């Protein structure tokens, strides 16, 4: 696993935990401060998810390119 992938997954895990905590706190005490904390946690998690999707997209593109090379070799191209 590349460092970029590992870092993206670690950050996503941390952000997910922080969002869970923010949701729990908002449910227990629905205050403006807790709402801001929830919205901030939500934003950070979505940014982290975007990073993971970028990493996955890159991996899929690399895999598709490698698969195409195999197909070209097998078809004599």
PDB file of N, CA and C in Angstrom:
ATOM      1  N   UNK A   1       0.850  -1.169   0.000  1.00  0.00           N
ATOM      2  CA  UNK A   1       0.000   0.000   0.000  1.00  0.00           C
ATOM      3  C   UNK A   1       0.899   1.235   0.000  1.00  0.00           C
ATOM      4  N   UNK A   2       0.592   2.173  -0.867  1.00  0.00           N
ATOM      5  CA  UNK A   2       1.412   3.382  -0.961  1.00  0.00           C
ATOM      6  C   UNK A   2       1.189   4.279   0.257  1.00  0.00           C
ATOM      7  N   UNK A   3       2.138   5.164   0.472  1.00  0.00           N
ATOM      8  CA  UNK A   3       2.016   6.117   1.580  1.00  0.00           C
ATOM      9  C   UNK A   3       0.790   7.006   1.395  1.00  0.00           C
ATOM     10  N   UNK A   4       0.520   7.391   0.142  1.00  0.00           N
ATOM     11  CA  UNK A   4      -0.641   8.245  -0.125  1.00  0.00           C
ATOM     12  C   UNK A   4      -1.930   7.525   0.245  1.00  0.00           C
ATOM     13  N   UNK A   5      -2.030   6.251  -0.129  1.00  0.00           N
ATOM     14  CA  UNK A   5      -3.226   5.472   0.192  1.00  0.00           C
ATOM     15  C   UNK A   5      -3.352   5.295   1.697  1.00  0.00           C
ATOM     16  N   UNK A   6      -2.262   4.939   2.326  1.00  0.00           N
ATOM     17  CA  UNK A   6      -2.260   4.721   3.777  1.00  0.00           C
ATOM     18  C   UNK A   6      -2.673   6.003   4.512  1.00  0.00           C
ATOM     19  N   UNK A   7      -2.121   7.133   4.102  1.00  0.00           N
ATOM     20  CA  UNK A   7      -2.442   8.410   4.745  1.00  0.00           C
ATOM     21  C   UNK A   7      -3.909   8.778   4.538  1.00  0.00           C
ATOM     22  N   UNK A   8      -4.416   8.557   3.327  1.00  0.00           N
ATOM     23  CA  UNK A   8      -5.817   8.885   3.041  1.00  0.00           C
ATOM     24  C   UNK A   8      -6.756   8.036   3.891  1.00  0.00           C
ATOM     25  N   UNK A   9      -6.451   6.752   4.019  1.00  0.00           N
ATOM     26  CA  UNK A   9      -7.300   5.868   4.821  1.00  0.00           C
ATOM     27  C   UNK A   9      -7.221   6.213   6.306  1.00  0.00           C
ATOM     28  N   UNK A  10      -6.036   6.546   6.777  1.00  0.00           N
ATOM     29  CA  UNK A  10      -5.873   6.926   8.185  1.00  0.00           C
ATOM     30  C   UNK A  10      -6.669   8.193   8.480  1.00  0.00           C
ATOM     31  N   UNK A  11      -6.530   9.185   7.612  1.00  0.00           N
ATOM     32  CA  UNK A  11      -7.261  10.437   7.797  1.00  0.00           C
ATOM     33  C   UNK A  11      -8.760  10.199   7.760  1.00  0.00           C
ATOM     34  N   UNK A  12      -9.215   9.359   6.838  1.00  0.00           N
ATOM     35  CA  UNK A  12     -10.643   9.054   6.742  1.00  0.00           C
ATOM     36  C   UNK A  12     -11.137   8.411   8.037  1.00  0.00           C
ATOM     37  N   UNK A  13     -10.363   7.484   8.585  1.00  0.00           N
ATOM     38  CA  UNK A  13     -10.746   6.838   9.843  1.00  0.00           C
ATOM     39  C   UNK A  13     -10.851   7.830  10.984  1.00  0.00           C
ATOM     40  N   UNK A  14      -9.877   8.717  11.066  1.00  0.00           N
ATOM     41  CA  UNK A  14      -9.889   9.740  12.116  1.00  0.00           C
ATOM     42  C   UNK A  14     -11.098  10.650  11.950  1.00  0.00           C
ATOM     43  N   UNK A  15     -11.351  11.100  10.719  1.00  0.00           N
ATOM     44  CA  UNK A  15     -12.468  12.009  10.466  1.00  0.00           C
ATOM     45  C   UNK A  15     -13.816  11.339  10.732  1.00  0.00           C
ATOM     46  N   UNK A  16     -13.919  10.049  10.428  1.00  0.00           N
ATOM     47  CA  UNK A  16     -15.157   9.318  10.698  1.00  0.00           C
ATOM     48  C   UNK A  16     -15.419   9.263  12.198  1.00  0.00           C
ATOM     49  N   UNK A  17     -14.384   8.977  12.963  1.00  0.00           N
ATOM     50  CA  UNK A  17     -14.516   8.935  14.421  1.00  0.00           C
ATOM     51  C   UNK A  17     -14.920  10.300  14.965  1.00  0.00           C
ATOM     52  N   UNK A  18     -14.303  11.348  14.448  1.00  0.00           N
ATOM     53  CA  UNK A  18     -14.641  12.695  14.910  1.00  0.00           C
ATOM     54  C   UNK A  18     -16.074  13.062  14.552  1.00  0.00           C
ATOM     55  N   UNK A  19     -16.551  12.627  13.381  1.00  0.00           N
ATOM     56  CA  UNK A  19     -17.937  12.901  13.014  1.00  0.00           C
ATOM     57  C   UNK A  19     -18.888  12.146  13.938  1.00  0.00           C
ATOM     58  N   UNK A  20     -18.577  10.895  14.239  1.00  0.00           N
ATOM     59  CA  UNK A  20     -19.410  10.125  15.173  1.00  0.00           C
ATOM     60  C   UNK A  20     -19.513  10.837  16.520  1.00  0.00           C
ATOM     61  N   UNK A  21     -18.384  11.324  17.004  1.00  0.00           N
ATOM     62  CA  UNK A  21     -18.372  12.040  18.280  1.00  0.00           C
ATOM     63  C   UNK A  21     -19.188  13.327  18.197  1.00  0.00           C
ATOM     64  N   UNK A  22     -19.072  14.032  17.086  1.00  0.00           N
ATOM     65  CA  UNK A  22     -19.815  15.281  16.911  1.00  0.00           C
ATOM     66  C   UNK A  22     -21.316  15.021  16.842  1.00  0.00           C
ATOM     67  N   UNK A  23     -21.716  13.951  16.169  1.00  0.00           N
ATOM     68  CA  UNK A  23     -23.138  13.602  16.084  1.00  0.00           C
ATOM     69  C   UNK A  23     -23.677  13.271  17.474  1.00  0.00           C
ATOM     70  N   UNK A  24     -22.937  12.459  18.204  1.00  0.00           N
ATOM     71  CA  UNK A  24     -23.364  12.076  19.554  1.00  0.00           C
ATOM     72  C   UNK A  24     -23.516  13.302  20.443  1.00  0.00           C
ATOM     73  N   UNK A  25     -22.543  14.202  20.382  1.00  0.00           N
ATOM     74  CA  UNK A  25     -22.597  15.414  21.191  1.00  0.00           C
ATOM     75  C   UNK A  25     -23.772  16.298  20.778  1.00  0.00           C
ATOM     76  N   UNK A  26     -24.012  16.420  19.488  1.00  0.00           N
ATOM     77  CA  UNK A  26     -25.128  17.234  18.999  1.00  0.00           C
ATOM     78  C   UNK A  26     -26.468  16.640  19.425  1.00  0.00           C
ATOM     79  N   UNK A  27     -26.564  15.309  19.400  1.00  0.00           N
ATOM     80  CA  UNK A  27     -27.804  14.654  19.841  1.00  0.00           C
ATOM     81  C   UNK A  27     -28.055  14.895  21.331  1.00  0.00           C
ATOM     82  N   UNK A  28     -27.003  14.830  22.127  1.00  0.00           N
ATOM     83  CA  UNK A  28     -27.138  15.007  23.579  1.00  0.00           C
ATOM     84  C   UNK A  28     -27.376  16.460  23.961  1.00  0.00           C
ATOM     85  N   UNK A  29     -26.755  17.359  23.211  1.00  0.00           N
ATOM     86  CA  UNK A  29     -26.836  18.779  23.539  1.00  0.00           C
ATOM     87  C   UNK A  29     -26.901  19.584  22.242  1.00  0.00           C
ATOM     88  N   UNK A  30     -28.118  19.775  21.702  1.00  0.00           N
ATOM     89  CA  UNK A  30     -28.258  20.471  20.415  1.00  0.00           C
ATOM     90  C   UNK A  30     -28.061  21.988  20.536  1.00  0.00           C
ATOM     91  N   UNK A  31     -26.810  22.388  20.703  1.00  0.00           N
ATOM     92  CA  UNK A  31     -26.472  23.805  20.839  1.00  0.00           C
ATOM     93  C   UNK A  31     -25.838  24.319  19.545  1.00  0.00           C
ATOM     94  N   UNK A  32     -25.829  25.639  19.363  1.00  0.00           N
ATOM     95  CA  UNK A  32     -25.167  26.201  18.172  1.00  0.00           C
ATOM     96  C   UNK A  32     -23.695  25.799  18.074  1.00  0.00           C
ATOM     97  N   UNK A  33     -23.002  25.753  19.194  1.00  0.00           N
ATOM     98  CA  UNK A  33     -21.590  25.361  19.187  1.00  0.00           C
ATOM     99  C   UNK A  33     -21.431  23.914  18.715  1.00  0.00           C
ATOM    100  N   UNK A  34     -22.289  23.036  19.203  1.00  0.00           N
ATOM    101  CA  UNK A  34     -22.206  21.634  18.790  1.00  0.00           C
ATOM    102  C   UNK A  34     -22.628  21.451  17.336  1.00  0.00           C
ATOM    103  N   UNK A  35     -23.539  22.298  16.877  1.00  0.00           N
ATOM    104  CA  UNK A  35     -23.921  22.264  15.464  1.00  0.00           C
ATOM    105  C   UNK A  35     -22.736  22.676  14.591  1.00  0.00           C
ATOM    106  N   UNK A  36     -22.028  23.730  14.976  1.00  0.00           N
ATOM    107  CA  UNK A  36     -20.838  24.154  14.226  1.00  0.00           C
ATOM    108  C   UNK A  36     -19.786  23.047  14.205  1.00  0.00           C
ATOM    109  N   UNK A  37     -19.592  22.406  15.343  1.00  0.00           N
ATOM    110  CA  UNK A  37     -18.631  21.314  15.436  1.00  0.00           C
ATOM    111  C   UNK A  37     -19.038  20.162  14.513  1.00  0.00           C
ATOM    112  N   UNK A  38     -20.321  19.843  14.507  1.00  0.00           N
ATOM    113  CA  UNK A  38     -20.831  18.787  13.624  1.00  0.00           C
ATOM    114  C   UNK A  38     -20.601  19.149  12.157  1.00  0.00           C
ATOM    115  N   UNK A  39     -20.942  20.369  11.778  1.00  0.00           N
ATOM    116  CA  UNK A  39     -20.785  20.789  10.381  1.00  0.00           C
ATOM    117  C   UNK A  39     -19.316  20.795   9.967  1.00  0.00           C
ATOM    118  N   UNK A  40     -18.437  21.209  10.860  1.00  0.00           N
ATOM    119  CA  UNK A  40     -17.005  21.198  10.576  1.00  0.00           C
ATOM    120  C   UNK A  40     -16.505  19.761  10.409  1.00  0.00           C
ATOM    121  N   UNK A  41     -16.949  18.878  11.294  1.00  0.00           N
ATOM    122  CA  UNK A  41     -16.557  17.464  11.197  1.00  0.00           C
ATOM    123  C   UNK A  41     -17.081  16.845   9.908  1.00  0.00           C
ATOM    124  N   UNK A  42     -18.300  17.201   9.545  1.00  0.00           N
ATOM    125  CA  UNK A  42     -18.897  16.692   8.308  1.00  0.00           C
ATOM    126  C   UNK A  42     -18.075  17.137   7.094  1.00  0.00           C
ATOM    127  N   UNK A  43     -17.704  18.411   7.070  1.00  0.00           N
ATOM    128  CA  UNK A  43     -16.912  18.951   5.964  1.00  0.00           C
ATOM    129  C   UNK A  43     -15.566  18.234   5.853  1.00  0.00           C
ATOM    130  N   UNK A  44     -14.905  18.048   6.985  1.00  0.00           N
ATOM    131  CA  UNK A  44     -13.607  17.374   6.981  1.00  0.00           C
ATOM    132  C   UNK A  44     -13.724  15.930   6.505  1.00  0.00           C
ATOM    133  N   UNK A  45     -14.790  15.253   6.919  1.00  0.00           N
ATOM    134  CA  UNK A  45     -14.984  13.872   6.479  1.00  0.00           C
ATOM    135  C   UNK A  45     -15.218  13.820   4.971  1.00  0.00           C
ATOM    136  N   UNK A  46     -16.019  14.730   4.444  1.00  0.00           N
ATOM    137  CA  UNK A  46     -16.275  14.746   3.001  1.00  0.00           C
ATOM    138  C   UNK A  46     -15.004  15.070   2.217  1.00  0.00           C
ATOM    139  N   UNK A  47     -14.163  15.954   2.739  1.00  0.00           N
ATOM    140  CA  UNK A  47     -12.876  16.234   2.094  1.00  0.00           C
ATOM    141  C   UNK A  47     -11.999  14.985   2.089  1.00  0.00           C
ATOM    142  N   UNK A  48     -12.010  14.270   3.193  1.00  0.00           N
ATOM    143  CA  UNK A  48     -11.228  13.042   3.306  1.00  0.00           C
ATOM    144  C   UNK A  48     -11.750  11.982   2.343  1.00  0.00           C
ATOM    145  N   UNK A  49     -13.062  11.878   2.239  1.00  0.00           N
ATOM    146  CA  UNK A  49     -13.666  10.923   1.311  1.00  0.00           C
ATOM    147  C   UNK A  49     -13.303  11.269  -0.129  1.00  0.00           C
ATOM    148  N   UNK A  50     -13.276  12.542  -0.452  1.00  0.00           N
ATOM    149  CA  UNK A  50     -12.873  12.979  -1.786  1.00  0.00           C
ATOM    150  C   UNK A  50     -11.442  12.550  -2.083  1.00  0.00           C
ATOM    151  N   UNK A  51     -10.567  12.660  -1.092  1.00  0.00           N
ATOM    152  CA  UNK A  51      -9.172  12.234  -1.263  1.00  0.00           C
ATOM    153  C   UNK A  51      -9.095  10.731  -1.514  1.00  0.00           C
ATOM    154  N   UNK A  52      -9.863   9.957  -0.766  1.00  0.00           N
ATOM    155  CA  UNK A  52      -9.869   8.502  -0.972  1.00  0.00           C
ATOM    156  C   UNK A  52     -10.383   8.169  -2.368  1.00  0.00           C
ATOM    157  N   UNK A  53     -11.439   8.843  -2.801  1.00  0.00           N
ATOM    158  CA  UNK A  53     -11.968   8.594  -4.146  1.00  0.00           C
ATOM    159  C   UNK A  53     -10.936   8.934  -5.213  1.00  0.00           C
ATOM    160  N   UNK A  54     -10.153   9.966  -4.984  1.00  0.00           N
ATOM    161  CA  UNK A  54      -9.091  10.326  -5.922  1.00  0.00           C
ATOM    162  C   UNK A  54      -8.035   9.231  -5.991  1.00  0.00           C
ATOM    163  N   UNK A  55      -7.640   8.708  -4.832  1.00  0.00           N
ATOM    164  CA  UNK A  55      -6.655   7.626  -4.789  1.00  0.00           C
ATOM    165  C   UNK A  55      -7.196   6.395  -5.512  1.00  0.00           C
ATOM    166  N   UNK A  56      -8.446   6.039  -5.234  1.00  0.00           N
ATOM    167  CA  UNK A  56      -9.057   4.865  -5.870  1.00  0.00           C
ATOM    168  C   UNK A  56      -9.164   5.070  -7.378  1.00  0.00           C
ATOM    169  N   UNK A  57      -9.558   6.258  -7.798  1.00  0.00           N
ATOM    170  CA  UNK A  57      -9.664   6.553  -9.225  1.00  0.00           C
ATOM    171  C   UNK A  57      -8.313   6.402  -9.918  1.00  0.00           C
ATOM    172  N   UNK A  58      -7.267   6.900  -9.287  1.00  0.00           N
ATOM    173  CA  UNK A  58      -5.920   6.760  -9.843  1.00  0.00           C
ATOM    174  C   UNK A  58      -5.537   5.293  -9.974  1.00  0.00           C
ATOM    175  N   UNK A  59      -5.818   4.507  -8.938  1.00  0.00           N
ATOM    176  CA  UNK A  59      -5.506   3.076  -8.985  1.00  0.00           C
ATOM    177  C   UNK A  59      -6.281   2.366 -10.094  1.00  0.00           C
ATOM    178  N   UNK A  60      -7.552   2.711 -10.234  1.00  0.00           N
ATOM    179  CA  UNK A  60      -8.365   2.094 -11.291  1.00  0.00           C
ATOM    180  C   UNK A  60      -7.841   2.457 -12.676  1.00  0.00           C
ATOM    181  N   UNK A  61      -7.435   3.707 -12.854  1.00  0.00           N
ATOM    182  CA  UNK A  61      -6.880   4.129 -14.141  1.00  0.00           C
ATOM    183  C   UNK A  61      -5.570   3.419 -14.446  1.00  0.00           C
ATOM    184  N   UNK A  62      -4.722   3.278 -13.431  1.00  0.00           N
ATOM    185  CA  UNK A  62      -3.463   2.553 -13.628  1.00  0.00           C
ATOM    186  C   UNK A  62      -3.733   1.094 -13.979  1.00  0.00           C
ATOM    187  N   UNK A  63      -4.691   0.496 -13.296  1.00  0.00           N
ATOM    188  CA  UNK A  63      -5.051  -0.894 -13.588  1.00  0.00           C
ATOM    189  C   UNK A  63      -5.602  -1.055 -14.990  1.00  0.00           C
ATOM    190  N   UNK A  64      -6.430  -0.118 -15.416  1.00  0.00           N
ATOM    191  CA  UNK A  64      -6.993  -0.175 -16.762  1.00  0.00           C
ATOM    192  C   UNK A  64      -5.899  -0.043 -17.815  1.00  0.00           C
ATOM    193  N   UNK A  65      -4.939   0.836 -17.567  1.00  0.00           N
ATOM    194  CA  UNK A  65      -3.826   0.989 -18.512  1.00  0.00           C
ATOM    195  C   UNK A  65      -3.003  -0.289 -18.598  1.00  0.00           C
ATOM    196  N   UNK A  66      -2.738  -0.898 -17.452  1.00  0.00           N
ATOM    197  CA  UNK A  66      -1.976  -2.149 -17.440  1.00  0.00           C
ATOM    198  C   UNK A  66      -2.754  -3.266 -18.129  1.00  0.00           C
ATOM    199  N   UNK A  67      -4.048  -3.325 -17.903  1.00  0.00           N
ATOM    200  CA  UNK A  67      -4.880  -4.349 -18.542  1.00  0.00           C
ATOM    201  C   UNK A  67      -4.902  -4.156 -20.055  1.00  0.00           C
ATOM    202  N   UNK A  68      -4.935  -2.912 -20.487  1.00  0.00           N
ATOM    203  CA  UNK A  68      -4.932  -2.625 -21.923  1.00  0.00           C
ATOM    204  C   UNK A  68      -3.640  -3.106 -22.565  1.00  0.00           C
ATOM    205  N   UNK A  69      -2.523  -2.946 -21.877  1.00  0.00           N
ATOM    206  CA  UNK A  69      -1.242  -3.437 -22.401  1.00  0.00           C
ATOM    207  C   UNK A  69      -1.273  -4.950 -22.575  1.00  0.00           C
ATOM    208  N   UNK A  70      -1.868  -5.649 -21.615  1.00  0.00           N
ATOM    209  CA  UNK A  70      -1.993  -7.106 -21.720  1.00  0.00           C
ATOM    210  C   UNK A  70      -2.847  -7.462 -22.929  1.00  0.00           C
ATOM    211  N   UNK A  71      -3.947  -6.758 -23.101  1.00  0.00           N
ATOM    212  CA  UNK A  71      -4.830  -7.023 -24.243  1.00  0.00           C
ATOM    213  C   UNK A  71      -4.115  -6.771 -25.567  1.00  0.00           C
ATOM    214  N   UNK A  72      -3.314  -5.712 -25.621  1.00  0.00           N
ATOM    215  CA  UNK A  72      -2.575  -5.409 -26.846  1.00  0.00           C
ATOM    216  C   UNK A  72      -1.541  -6.485 -27.143  1.00  0.00           C
ATOM    217  N   UNK A  73      -0.870  -6.956 -26.107  1.00  0.00           N
ATOM    218  CA  UNK A  73       0.134  -8.013 -26.292  1.00  0.00           C
ATOM    219  C   UNK A  73      -0.521  -9.305 -26.765  1.00  0.00           C
ATOM    220  N   UNK A  74      -1.675  -9.619 -26.195  1.00  0.00           N
ATOM    221  CA  UNK A  74      -2.360 -10.865 -26.547  1.00  0.00           C
ATOM    222  C   UNK A  74      -2.996 -10.816 -27.932  1.00  0.00           C
ATOM    223  N   UNK A  75      -3.274  -9.604 -28.408  1.00  0.00           N
ATOM    224  CA  UNK A  75      -3.882  -9.493 -29.733  1.00  0.00           C
ATOM    225  C   UNK A  75      -2.827  -9.219 -30.806  1.00  0.00           C
ATOM    226  N   UNK A  76      -1.579  -9.239 -30.389  1.00  0.00           N
ATOM    227  CA  UNK A  76      -0.497  -9.027 -31.347  1.00  0.00           C
ATOM    228  C   UNK A  76      -0.250  -7.573 -31.660  1.00  0.00           C
ATOM    229  N   UNK A  77      -0.870  -6.671 -30.872  1.00  0.00           N
ATOM    230  CA  UNK A  77      -0.726  -5.257 -31.166  1.00  0.00           C
ATOM    231  C   UNK A  77       0.312  -4.663 -30.375  1.00  0.00           C
TER     232      UNK A  77
END
